[in-house]
Amino acid sequence: MKIKNLLLGLVVVFALGACSDDDDDKGGGAVKIDCTTFVTEDYLVILEDLQAAQEAYTQDQSTENCEAYYDALDTYITSWKAYVDKCVPQASAQFNSYWATWETYFDDLDCE
């Protein structure tokens, strides 16, 4: 499934470089990212929420489930973008096309 390939691809980001422990505000936008705990803790919660929303939407494509899935995708994409920008900045340029793929999928999800 397309979403599983995208999820797996983002996990590869962690292998591209080490996280820094700095607490500066570069990258991340409105999302608070801790480079030391994102992949080991925060990401797992975000991923569980996304998987639950995806499963619910797959079983029942109601507007409510679609909106929950949309919100979970938004959180997932925003968080990963912030993580890459702050913790693995050398990968930011490489992932621009990857984000475009995600955003196309995201934009194609019509909840109306």
Protein backbone atom coordinates (compact mmCIF):
# COMPACT_ATOMS: atom_id res chain seq x y z
CA MET A 1 0.00 0.00 0.00
CA LYS A 2 1.21 3.48 -0.84
CA ILE A 3 0.96 4.79 2.72
CA LYS A 4 3.05 1.94 4.13
CA ASN A 5 5.82 2.66 1.62
CA LEU A 6 5.76 6.32 2.61
CA LEU A 7 5.84 5.47 6.31
CA LEU A 8 8.76 3.12 5.80
CA GLY A 9 10.63 5.71 3.78
CA LEU A 10 10.44 8.22 6.59
CA VAL A 11 11.93 5.76 9.04
CA VAL A 12 15.00 5.74 6.81
CA VAL A 13 15.52 9.40 7.67
CA PHE A 14 16.82 8.39 11.07
CA ALA A 15 19.54 6.32 9.43
CA LEU A 16 20.74 9.27 7.35
CA GLY A 17 22.37 11.15 10.19
CA ALA A 18 22.71 11.52 13.89
CA CYS A 19 20.43 13.80 15.82
CA SER A 20 21.87 16.76 17.59
CA ASP A 21 21.05 17.47 21.19
CA ASP A 22 20.84 21.22 20.78
CA ASP A 23 17.72 22.99 21.94
CA ASP A 24 17.79 25.82 19.43
CA ASP A 25 14.67 26.87 17.61
CA LYS A 26 15.89 26.27 14.07
CA GLY A 27 13.51 24.24 11.99
CA GLY A 28 10.44 22.67 13.43
CA GLY A 29 8.07 25.60 12.95
CA ALA A 30 5.16 25.27 15.38
CA VAL A 31 6.01 21.64 16.10
CA LYS A 32 8.21 21.10 19.17
CA ILE A 33 10.87 18.54 18.23
CA ASP A 34 13.33 16.91 20.58
CA CYS A 35 16.00 15.25 18.46
CA THR A 36 16.84 12.71 21.14
CA THR A 37 13.33 11.39 21.73
CA PHE A 38 11.47 11.95 18.46
CA VAL A 39 12.31 8.65 16.78
CA THR A 40 12.32 6.54 19.94
CA GLU A 41 9.22 7.97 21.62
CA ASP A 42 7.28 10.77 19.94
CA TYR A 43 7.28 9.17 16.50
CA LEU A 44 5.83 5.93 17.87
CA VAL A 45 2.84 7.75 19.35
CA ILE A 46 2.29 9.72 16.13
CA LEU A 47 2.59 6.52 14.07
CA GLU A 48 0.14 4.64 16.29
CA ASP A 49 -2.38 7.48 15.93
CA LEU A 50 -1.91 7.49 12.15
CA GLN A 51 -2.30 3.72 11.88
CA ALA A 52 -5.44 3.75 14.02
CA ALA A 53 -6.95 6.56 11.95
CA GLN A 54 -6.00 4.80 8.71
CA GLU A 55 -7.55 1.54 9.87
CA ALA A 56 -10.76 3.27 10.98
CA TYR A 57 -11.00 5.12 7.67
CA THR A 58 -10.32 1.94 5.69
CA GLN A 59 -13.16 0.17 7.49
CA ASP A 60 -15.60 3.09 7.41
CA GLN A 61 -15.02 5.98 5.03
CA SER A 62 -17.31 8.34 6.90
CA THR A 63 -16.59 12.07 7.00
CA GLU A 64 -15.65 11.81 10.67
CA ASN A 65 -13.11 9.04 10.03
CA CYS A 66 -11.77 10.85 6.98
CA GLU A 67 -11.20 14.02 8.98
CA ALA A 68 -9.48 12.05 11.75
CA TYR A 69 -7.25 10.37 9.16
CA TYR A 70 -6.54 13.73 7.52
CA ASP A 71 -5.56 15.24 10.88
CA ALA A 72 -3.33 12.26 11.71
CA LEU A 73 -1.62 12.54 8.29
CA ASP A 74 -1.13 16.27 8.83
CA THR A 75 0.47 15.67 12.22
CA TYR A 76 2.68 12.93 10.79
CA ILE A 77 3.88 14.99 7.82
CA THR A 78 4.39 18.18 9.85
CA SER A 79 6.29 16.33 12.56
CA TRP A 80 8.59 14.53 10.14
CA LYS A 81 9.30 17.71 8.23
CA ALA A 82 10.21 19.45 11.47
CA TYR A 83 12.36 16.52 12.56
CA VAL A 84 14.32 16.43 9.30
CA ASP A 85 14.75 20.21 9.23
CA LYS A 86 16.02 20.35 12.80
CA CYS A 87 17.74 17.03 13.42
CA VAL A 88 18.93 15.88 10.00
CA PRO A 89 19.27 19.13 8.03
CA GLN A 90 21.64 17.53 5.53
CA ALA A 91 18.68 15.42 4.36
CA SER A 92 16.23 18.32 3.91
CA ALA A 93 16.97 18.89 0.23
CA GLN A 94 16.86 15.17 -0.48
CA PHE A 95 13.43 14.85 1.05
CA ASN A 96 11.77 17.76 -0.79
CA SER A 97 10.42 15.42 -3.46
CA TYR A 98 9.40 12.96 -0.78
CA TRP A 99 7.35 15.64 0.99
CA ALA A 100 5.77 16.53 -2.36
CA THR A 101 4.64 12.91 -2.74
CA TRP A 102 3.15 12.95 0.76
CA GLU A 103 1.41 16.24 0.18
CA THR A 104 -0.08 14.99 -3.10
CA TYR A 105 -1.50 11.98 -1.28
CA PHE A 106 -2.66 14.26 1.52
CA ASP A 107 -4.32 16.70 -0.90
CA ASP A 108 -6.08 13.83 -2.70
CA LEU A 109 -7.85 12.81 0.50
CA ASP A 110 -11.25 14.44 0.07
CA CYS A 111 -13.39 14.28 3.19
CA GLU A 112 -16.52 15.85 1.76
